[in-house]
Amino acid sequence: MAINWFIIAAIIIGVILLVYILIKQNKKDRKKIEQELNYVPESEEAEIDNEKES
């Protein structure tokens, strides 16, 4: 049975494309989570600033 290089190349390209998409999505998710974790409502932020001034 001969090696079908077309199928092997298609699989390798598909794997590379999948890895690229997953890395791109991971960066988006990481940025979104960092924004959610660093979120502080305005009222709490004002209270923290007032405490520092006292």
Protein backbone atom coordinates (compact mmCIF):
# COMPACT_ATOMS: atom_id res chain seq x y z
CA MET A 1 0.00 0.00 0.00
CA ALA A 2 1.51 3.32 -1.08
CA ILE A 3 1.63 6.32 1.22
CA ASN A 4 -0.94 8.87 0.20
CA TRP A 5 0.96 12.15 0.72
CA PHE A 6 -2.11 14.24 -0.12
CA ILE A 7 -4.05 12.84 2.86
CA ILE A 8 -1.06 13.19 5.20
CA ALA A 9 -0.53 16.82 4.11
CA ALA A 10 -4.23 17.61 4.58
CA ILE A 11 -4.18 16.14 8.11
CA ILE A 12 -1.03 18.09 9.06
CA ILE A 13 -2.51 21.35 7.72
CA GLY A 14 -5.73 20.65 9.63
CA VAL A 15 -3.84 20.02 12.87
CA ILE A 16 -1.80 23.22 12.46
CA LEU A 17 -4.98 25.19 11.76
CA LEU A 18 -6.70 23.71 14.81
CA VAL A 19 -3.75 24.57 17.08
CA TYR A 20 -3.71 28.14 15.73
CA ILE A 21 -7.45 28.57 16.37
CA LEU A 22 -7.17 27.16 19.90
CA ILE A 23 -4.25 29.46 20.79
CA LYS A 24 -6.12 32.48 19.43
CA GLN A 25 -9.26 31.57 21.42
CA ASN A 26 -7.21 30.98 24.56
CA LYS A 27 -5.75 34.50 24.33
CA LYS A 28 -9.25 35.98 23.99
CA ASP A 29 -10.54 33.97 26.95
CA ARG A 30 -7.54 34.92 29.10
CA LYS A 31 -8.07 38.62 28.38
CA LYS A 32 -11.79 38.33 29.16
CA ILE A 33 -11.16 36.54 32.47
CA GLU A 34 -8.51 39.08 33.50
CA GLN A 35 -10.97 41.90 32.85
CA GLU A 36 -13.68 40.15 34.89
CA LEU A 37 -11.34 39.46 37.81
CA ASN A 38 -10.00 43.04 37.85
CA TYR A 39 -13.46 44.58 37.65
CA VAL A 40 -14.31 46.88 40.58
CA PRO A 41 -17.62 48.77 40.65
CA GLU A 42 -17.33 52.58 40.79
CA SER A 43 -18.88 52.80 44.29
CA GLU A 44 -16.33 50.39 45.77
CA GLU A 45 -13.48 52.14 43.99
CA ALA A 46 -14.54 55.52 45.44
CA GLU A 47 -14.69 54.04 48.95
CA ILE A 48 -11.21 52.60 48.60
CA ASP A 49 -9.87 55.99 47.45
CA ASN A 50 -11.57 57.81 50.34
CA GLU A 51 -10.05 55.42 52.86
CA LYS A 52 -6.57 56.09 51.50
CA GLU A 53 -7.03 59.87 51.81
CA SER A 54 -8.11 59.66 55.49
